């Protein structure tokens, strides 16, 4: 098959533990996120290796189905990319639901006894080893670009040590006519990020100058409750020396959330102390994945927290919590 232009969009696949650990993926007892979607029965106990997005999403699903879930995370917090306040609230919520956490811990090895269960040996920061018995072990330690077998080098296309295709600012490789997007290149492994890049790459091919604003790519963790964000965290702003204002509003004070009986979490907004331009939005709570779109739109058009707070929001709706956080951000809250 011949083509004038080619876009590499082959996605990614889960990382797995080495065979030597005794916990090589077999997609039945030691599973990746793929295998976790096709288990033939609900396990009584599950150990999740990795406290990132996918591990928590899948663990949260099985937790709600009655599985006893234990998450092993190498660092001191889950989802370390999250705003620290949101991450703390998120972990507390999951703990209240029954999820267990082994933080600052790693997996040394294990034994897959198949139908007789899996033993996962977990080493904590003191070097102590604890054997965790489970029916299924979910390995969720990241993903890598699915570019093996494409013979990139024969085409003159280079990639890094993670298999990600090297591109310029126009998603073009060093070979004219060959482009790459999504999980096959650097950046967040998100379907909507890939979609935006695909459109932009085609626009560049057509000479229309496509663009993606990576500062306005939302992230969503599909647990219960959901966690969503766009822009910077408090920690990132502090590290960059940017002075900021913070506004928060709890769903516990939102009439729609109270009526629905689903009021865990909050909306948190960060804006520039000097200009009031919105720099980041963080939401944990009901419909967070839907609500974050307002934050994305506001940031895309350079809105201030006052711009959002002076925009009429229907009552009673969850979106009012977004408006209230914006009002609090420039010190004019009325329902807090």
Protein backbone atom coordinates (compact mmCIF):
# COMPACT_ATOMS: atom_id res chain seq x y z
CA UNK A 1 0.00 0.00 0.00
CA UNK A 2 1.33 3.42 -0.97
CA UNK A 3 0.44 6.71 0.71
CA UNK A 4 1.60 10.29 0.44
CA UNK A 5 1.28 10.79 4.19
CA UNK A 6 1.25 8.33 7.09
CA UNK A 7 0.21 8.97 10.70
CA UNK A 8 1.49 6.50 13.29
CA UNK A 9 -1.23 6.08 15.92
CA UNK A 10 -0.61 2.60 17.28
CA UNK A 11 -1.31 3.41 20.93
CA UNK A 12 0.29 1.74 23.93
CA UNK A 13 0.31 -1.48 25.92
CA UNK A 14 0.73 -2.26 29.63
CA UNK A 15 4.12 -2.74 31.25
CA UNK A 16 4.62 -6.06 32.99
CA UNK A 17 6.90 -7.46 35.67
CA UNK A 18 9.85 -9.64 34.60
CA UNK A 19 9.35 -13.41 34.52
CA UNK A 20 12.04 -13.74 37.20
CA UNK A 21 9.79 -12.07 39.78
CA UNK A 22 7.33 -14.95 39.57
CA UNK A 23 4.60 -12.44 38.72
CA UNK A 24 4.73 -12.43 34.94
CA UNK A 25 1.39 -11.49 33.39
CA UNK A 26 -0.79 -14.42 32.35
CA UNK A 27 -4.05 -12.35 32.13
CA UNK A 28 -5.86 -14.80 34.39
CA UNK A 29 -4.30 -14.65 37.83
CA UNK A 30 -1.62 -12.01 37.31
CA UNK A 31 -3.37 -9.53 35.06
CA UNK A 32 -2.91 -6.20 33.33
CA UNK A 33 -5.80 -3.76 32.97
CA UNK A 34 -6.78 -5.75 29.87
CA UNK A 35 -7.10 -9.01 31.76
CA UNK A 36 -8.86 -7.27 34.66
CA UNK A 37 -11.72 -6.49 32.28
CA UNK A 38 -12.30 -10.15 31.42
CA UNK A 39 -12.08 -12.05 34.72
CA UNK A 40 -14.57 -14.93 34.79
CA UNK A 41 -15.56 -14.22 38.41
CA UNK A 42 -15.26 -11.52 41.04
CA UNK A 43 -12.14 -12.22 43.15
CA UNK A 44 -12.41 -12.21 46.94
CA UNK A 45 -9.02 -10.53 47.28
CA UNK A 46 -7.00 -8.46 44.81
CA UNK A 47 -3.57 -6.87 45.13
CA UNK A 48 -3.00 -3.90 42.86
CA UNK A 49 0.65 -3.14 42.13
CA UNK A 50 0.82 0.57 41.36
CA UNK A 51 -1.18 3.43 42.83
CA UNK A 52 -1.67 5.32 39.59
CA UNK A 53 -4.76 6.11 37.55
CA UNK A 54 -5.47 2.73 35.94
CA UNK A 55 -4.72 0.68 39.04
CA UNK A 56 -7.05 2.81 41.16
CA UNK A 57 -9.78 2.84 38.53
CA UNK A 58 -9.81 -0.95 38.21
CA UNK A 59 -9.31 -1.46 41.94
CA UNK A 60 -12.19 0.90 42.67
CA UNK A 61 -14.50 -1.08 40.39
CA UNK A 62 -13.72 -4.39 42.09
CA UNK A 63 -13.88 -2.79 45.53
CA UNK A 64 -17.47 -1.75 44.79
CA UNK A 65 -18.22 -5.29 43.59
CA UNK A 66 -17.16 -6.67 46.98
CA UNK A 67 -13.48 -7.48 46.44
CA UNK A 68 -10.99 -6.76 49.22
CA UNK A 69 -8.46 -4.55 47.44
CA UNK A 70 -4.93 -3.71 48.62
CA UNK A 71 -2.88 -1.18 46.65
CA UNK A 72 0.92 -1.31 46.75
CA UNK A 73 2.50 2.04 45.89
CA UNK A 74 6.25 2.69 45.75
CA UNK A 75 5.93 6.33 46.84
CA UNK A 76 4.35 8.12 49.82
CA UNK A 77 1.20 9.14 47.94
CA UNK A 78 -1.12 7.78 45.29
CA UNK A 79 -1.22 9.51 41.90
CA UNK A 80 1.77 11.78 42.71
CA UNK A 81 0.93 14.10 39.79
CA UNK A 82 -2.22 15.27 41.58
CA UNK A 83 -2.47 18.44 43.63
CA UNK A 84 -1.39 17.26 47.11
CA UNK A 85 -4.60 18.40 48.82
CA UNK A 86 -6.73 16.59 46.25
CA UNK A 87 -4.57 13.45 46.43
CA UNK A 88 -4.93 13.35 50.22
CA UNK A 89 -8.70 13.75 50.01
CA UNK A 90 -8.85 11.12 47.27
CA UNK A 91 -6.93 8.55 49.31
CA UNK A 92 -9.02 9.22 52.42
CA UNK A 93 -12.18 8.68 50.41
CA UNK A 94 -10.96 5.38 48.98
CA UNK A 95 -9.88 4.23 52.45
CA UNK A 96 -13.35 4.99 53.81
CA UNK A 97 -14.72 2.74 51.08
CA UNK A 98 -12.50 -0.08 52.34
CA UNK A 99 -9.51 0.08 50.01
CA UNK A 100 -6.19 -0.68 51.74
CA UNK A 101 -2.86 0.95 50.94
CA UNK A 102 0.77 -0.11 51.34
CA UNK A 103 2.69 3.10 50.66
CA UNK A 104 6.45 3.51 50.34
CA UNK A 105 6.47 -0.16 49.41
CA UNK A 106 7.56 -2.25 46.47
CA UNK A 107 7.11 -5.79 45.25
CA UNK A 108 10.18 -7.97 45.65
CA UNK A 109 8.75 -11.09 44.07
CA UNK A 110 5.85 -13.51 44.34
CA UNK A 111 4.36 -16.86 43.48
CA UNK A 112 1.52 -17.47 41.06
CA UNK A 113 -0.24 -20.58 42.34
CA UNK A 114 -2.96 -20.02 39.75
CA UNK A 115 -6.29 -21.42 40.97
CA UNK A 116 -4.81 -21.68 44.48
CA UNK A 117 -4.12 -17.96 44.57
CA UNK A 118 -1.20 -15.56 44.19
CA UNK A 119 1.34 -14.60 46.84
CA UNK A 120 2.80 -11.10 46.51
CA UNK A 121 5.85 -10.33 48.65
CA UNK A 122 5.83 -6.64 49.53
CA UNK A 123 8.87 -4.84 50.95
CA UNK A 124 8.30 -1.65 52.93
CA UNK A 125 10.69 1.28 53.47
CA UNK A 126 12.22 -0.48 56.49
CA UNK A 127 13.12 -3.48 54.37
CA UNK A 128 10.49 -5.66 56.03
CA UNK A 129 8.71 -8.16 53.77
CA UNK A 130 5.03 -8.98 54.06
CA UNK A 131 3.38 -11.76 52.06
CA UNK A 132 -0.01 -10.75 50.69
CA UNK A 133 -2.34 -13.54 49.58
CA UNK A 134 -4.87 -12.79 46.86
CA UNK A 135 -6.94 -14.44 44.16
CA UNK A 136 -5.82 -11.98 41.48
CA UNK A 137 -2.86 -9.63 41.26
CA UNK A 138 -3.34 -6.59 39.01
CA UNK A 139 -0.05 -5.19 37.69
CA UNK A 140 -0.53 -1.53 36.88
CA UNK A 141 2.96 -0.04 36.56
CA UNK A 142 2.51 2.16 33.54
CA UNK A 143 2.36 1.68 29.80
CA UNK A 144 4.73 1.96 26.86
CA UNK A 145 4.31 2.88 23.23
CA UNK A 146 3.12 0.04 21.01
CA UNK A 147 5.58 0.62 18.20
CA UNK A 148 7.55 -2.61 18.18
CA UNK A 149 7.41 -4.43 14.86
CA UNK A 150 6.83 -1.29 12.81
CA UNK A 151 10.43 -1.37 11.54
CA UNK A 152 10.75 2.34 12.22
CA UNK A 153 14.51 2.30 11.69
CA UNK A 154 14.12 0.89 8.18
CA UNK A 155 11.86 3.82 7.36
CA UNK A 156 14.38 6.25 8.83
CA UNK A 157 12.14 7.12 11.79
CA UNK A 158 13.79 7.34 15.21
CA UNK A 159 12.35 6.57 18.63
CA UNK A 160 13.45 6.84 22.25
CA UNK A 161 14.18 4.07 24.75
CA UNK A 162 10.45 3.80 25.58
CA UNK A 163 9.57 3.18 21.95
CA UNK A 164 8.03 6.64 21.53
CA UNK A 165 8.44 8.12 18.07
CA UNK A 166 10.47 11.32 17.89
CA UNK A 167 8.55 14.22 16.32
CA UNK A 168 8.81 17.97 15.91
CA UNK A 169 6.26 20.59 16.97
CA UNK A 170 4.09 19.65 13.99
CA UNK A 171 3.90 15.91 14.90
CA UNK A 172 6.21 15.19 11.94
CA UNK A 173 9.07 12.73 12.16
CA UNK A 174 12.41 13.32 10.50
CA UNK A 175 10.96 11.61 7.43
CA UNK A 176 8.74 13.92 5.33
CA UNK A 177 5.22 12.54 5.11
CA UNK A 178 5.42 10.42 8.27
CA UNK A 179 3.72 11.77 11.40
CA UNK A 180 2.97 10.31 14.82
CA UNK A 181 0.45 11.07 17.56
CA UNK A 182 -1.10 9.84 20.81
CA UNK A 183 0.50 7.20 23.00
CA UNK A 184 3.06 6.56 20.26
CA UNK A 185 4.74 9.89 21.12
CA UNK A 186 5.72 11.71 24.31
CA UNK A 187 3.13 13.22 26.61
CA UNK A 188 0.07 12.12 28.53
CA UNK A 189 -1.42 8.82 27.43
CA UNK A 190 -4.97 10.06 26.98
CA UNK A 191 -7.42 9.29 24.20
CA UNK A 192 -8.63 12.89 23.97
CA UNK A 193 -5.05 14.16 23.76
CA UNK A 194 -4.48 11.77 20.85
CA UNK A 195 -7.68 12.96 19.19
CA UNK A 196 -6.57 16.58 19.33
CA UNK A 197 -3.14 15.66 17.98
CA UNK A 198 -4.68 13.66 15.14
CA UNK A 199 -6.74 16.64 14.02
CA UNK A 200 -3.76 18.98 14.35
CA UNK A 201 -1.48 16.64 12.40
CA UNK A 202 -3.96 16.45 9.52
CA UNK A 203 -4.33 20.23 9.56
CA UNK A 204 -0.56 20.55 9.30
CA UNK A 205 -0.49 18.10 6.40
CA UNK A 206 -3.07 20.30 4.67
CA UNK A 207 -1.03 23.41 5.42
CA UNK A 208 -3.59 24.79 7.85
CA UNK A 209 -1.27 25.01 10.86
CA UNK A 210 -2.91 22.79 13.48
CA UNK A 211 -2.25 23.46 17.17
CA UNK A 212 -2.75 21.72 20.53
CA UNK A 213 -2.66 23.65 23.81
CA UNK A 214 -1.07 21.08 26.12
CA UNK A 215 -1.70 23.33 29.12
CA UNK A 216 -5.42 22.78 28.63
CA UNK A 217 -5.59 18.99 28.35
CA UNK A 218 -7.92 17.68 31.08
CA UNK A 219 -7.27 14.56 33.09
CA UNK A 220 -9.96 12.37 34.65
CA UNK A 221 -9.71 9.44 37.05
CA UNK A 222 -12.86 7.34 36.64
CA UNK A 223 -13.21 6.11 40.19
CA UNK A 224 -16.06 6.79 42.60
CA UNK A 225 -15.98 9.67 43.20
CA UNK A 226 -14.28 10.91 40.06
CA UNK A 227 -11.19 13.12 40.11
CA UNK A 228 -10.58 15.64 37.32
CA UNK A 229 -8.07 18.38 36.69
CA UNK A 230 -6.68 20.85 34.20
CA UNK A 231 -3.70 23.16 34.56
CA UNK A 232 -1.27 23.52 37.44
CA UNK A 233 -1.30 22.22 41.01
CA UNK A 234 -0.36 24.26 44.07
CA UNK A 235 2.95 22.42 44.24
CA UNK A 236 3.79 23.27 40.62
CA UNK A 237 2.97 26.95 41.13
CA UNK A 238 5.08 27.11 44.28
CA UNK A 239 8.01 25.43 42.51
CA UNK A 240 7.73 27.95 39.67
CA UNK A 241 7.60 30.87 42.13
CA UNK A 242 4.16 31.97 40.90
CA UNK A 243 2.00 33.82 43.43
CA UNK A 244 -1.56 32.55 43.38
CA UNK A 245 -4.97 32.72 44.98
CA UNK A 246 -6.95 29.63 45.95
CA UNK A 247 -10.69 29.11 46.10
CA UNK A 248 -12.46 25.96 47.29
CA UNK A 249 -16.05 24.88 47.62
CA UNK A 250 -17.25 21.54 49.06
CA UNK A 251 -20.01 19.53 47.41
CA UNK A 252 -21.40 19.07 50.92
CA UNK A 253 -22.64 22.67 50.63
CA UNK A 254 -24.07 22.21 47.14
CA UNK A 255 -27.86 21.75 47.04
CA UNK A 256 -27.92 19.39 44.03
CA UNK A 257 -25.23 17.15 45.48
CA UNK A 258 -27.03 17.06 48.83
CA UNK A 259 -30.31 16.20 47.13
CA UNK A 260 -28.62 13.41 45.17
CA UNK A 261 -27.06 12.08 48.36
CA UNK A 262 -23.66 12.19 46.63
CA UNK A 263 -21.65 15.03 48.11
CA UNK A 264 -18.12 13.76 48.71
CA UNK A 265 -15.35 16.10 47.55
CA UNK A 266 -14.80 19.66 46.39
CA UNK A 267 -13.96 22.04 43.58
CA UNK A 268 -10.62 23.84 43.90
CA UNK A 269 -9.49 26.72 41.70
CA UNK A 270 -6.09 28.42 41.48
CA UNK A 271 -5.60 31.80 39.85
CA UNK A 272 -2.75 34.26 39.34
CA UNK A 273 -2.51 36.60 42.33
CA UNK A 274 -1.69 39.54 40.06
CA UNK A 275 -4.01 39.05 37.08
CA UNK A 276 -6.64 36.59 38.44
CA UNK A 277 -6.15 34.43 35.32
CA UNK A 278 -7.14 30.83 36.08
CA UNK A 279 -4.05 28.61 36.33
CA UNK A 280 -5.54 25.34 37.49
CA UNK A 281 -8.79 23.59 38.40
CA UNK A 282 -9.08 20.45 40.52
CA UNK A 283 -12.28 18.56 41.23
CA UNK A 284 -13.01 15.49 43.30
CA UNK A 285 -16.64 14.55 43.48
CA UNK A 286 -19.76 13.65 41.51
CA UNK A 287 -19.57 14.22 37.74
CA UNK A 288 -16.07 15.68 38.05
CA UNK A 289 -15.21 14.39 34.58
CA UNK A 290 -18.08 16.36 33.07
CA UNK A 291 -17.58 19.48 35.19
CA UNK A 292 -13.91 19.90 34.29
CA UNK A 293 -14.90 20.97 30.77
CA UNK A 294 -15.90 24.37 32.13
CA UNK A 295 -12.41 24.77 33.55
CA UNK A 296 -10.82 23.72 30.26
CA UNK A 297 -12.92 26.20 28.29
CA UNK A 298 -12.18 28.99 30.77
CA UNK A 299 -8.44 28.37 30.62
CA UNK A 300 -8.42 27.99 26.83
CA UNK A 301 -9.83 31.49 26.51
CA UNK A 302 -7.73 33.01 29.29
CA UNK A 303 -10.61 33.63 31.70
CA UNK A 304 -10.16 34.98 35.21
CA UNK A 305 -11.86 33.53 38.27
CA UNK A 306 -14.05 36.64 38.32
CA UNK A 307 -15.14 35.95 34.72
CA UNK A 308 -16.43 32.53 35.82
CA UNK A 309 -18.04 33.82 38.99
CA UNK A 310 -19.97 36.46 37.05
CA UNK A 311 -21.32 33.83 34.63
CA UNK A 312 -24.82 32.67 35.54
CA UNK A 313 -25.00 29.01 36.56
CA UNK A 314 -28.36 27.23 36.77
CA UNK A 315 -29.77 26.33 40.18
CA UNK A 316 -29.80 23.68 41.47
CA UNK A 317 -26.82 22.13 39.67
CA UNK A 318 -23.46 20.66 40.58
CA UNK A 319 -21.86 23.35 38.40
CA UNK A 320 -22.73 25.93 41.04
CA UNK A 321 -19.87 24.50 43.09
CA UNK A 322 -17.57 25.55 40.24
CA UNK A 323 -18.90 29.10 40.38
CA UNK A 324 -18.60 29.18 44.17
CA UNK A 325 -14.95 28.08 44.01
CA UNK A 326 -14.31 30.86 41.48
CA UNK A 327 -15.93 33.40 43.79
CA UNK A 328 -13.82 32.21 46.70
CA UNK A 329 -10.72 32.43 44.51
CA UNK A 330 -10.92 36.22 44.39
CA UNK A 331 -12.25 36.48 47.94
CA UNK A 332 -15.95 37.07 47.24
CA UNK A 333 -17.68 33.88 48.43
CA UNK A 334 -21.34 34.08 49.42
CA UNK A 335 -22.39 30.52 50.28
CA UNK A 336 -19.38 29.23 52.19
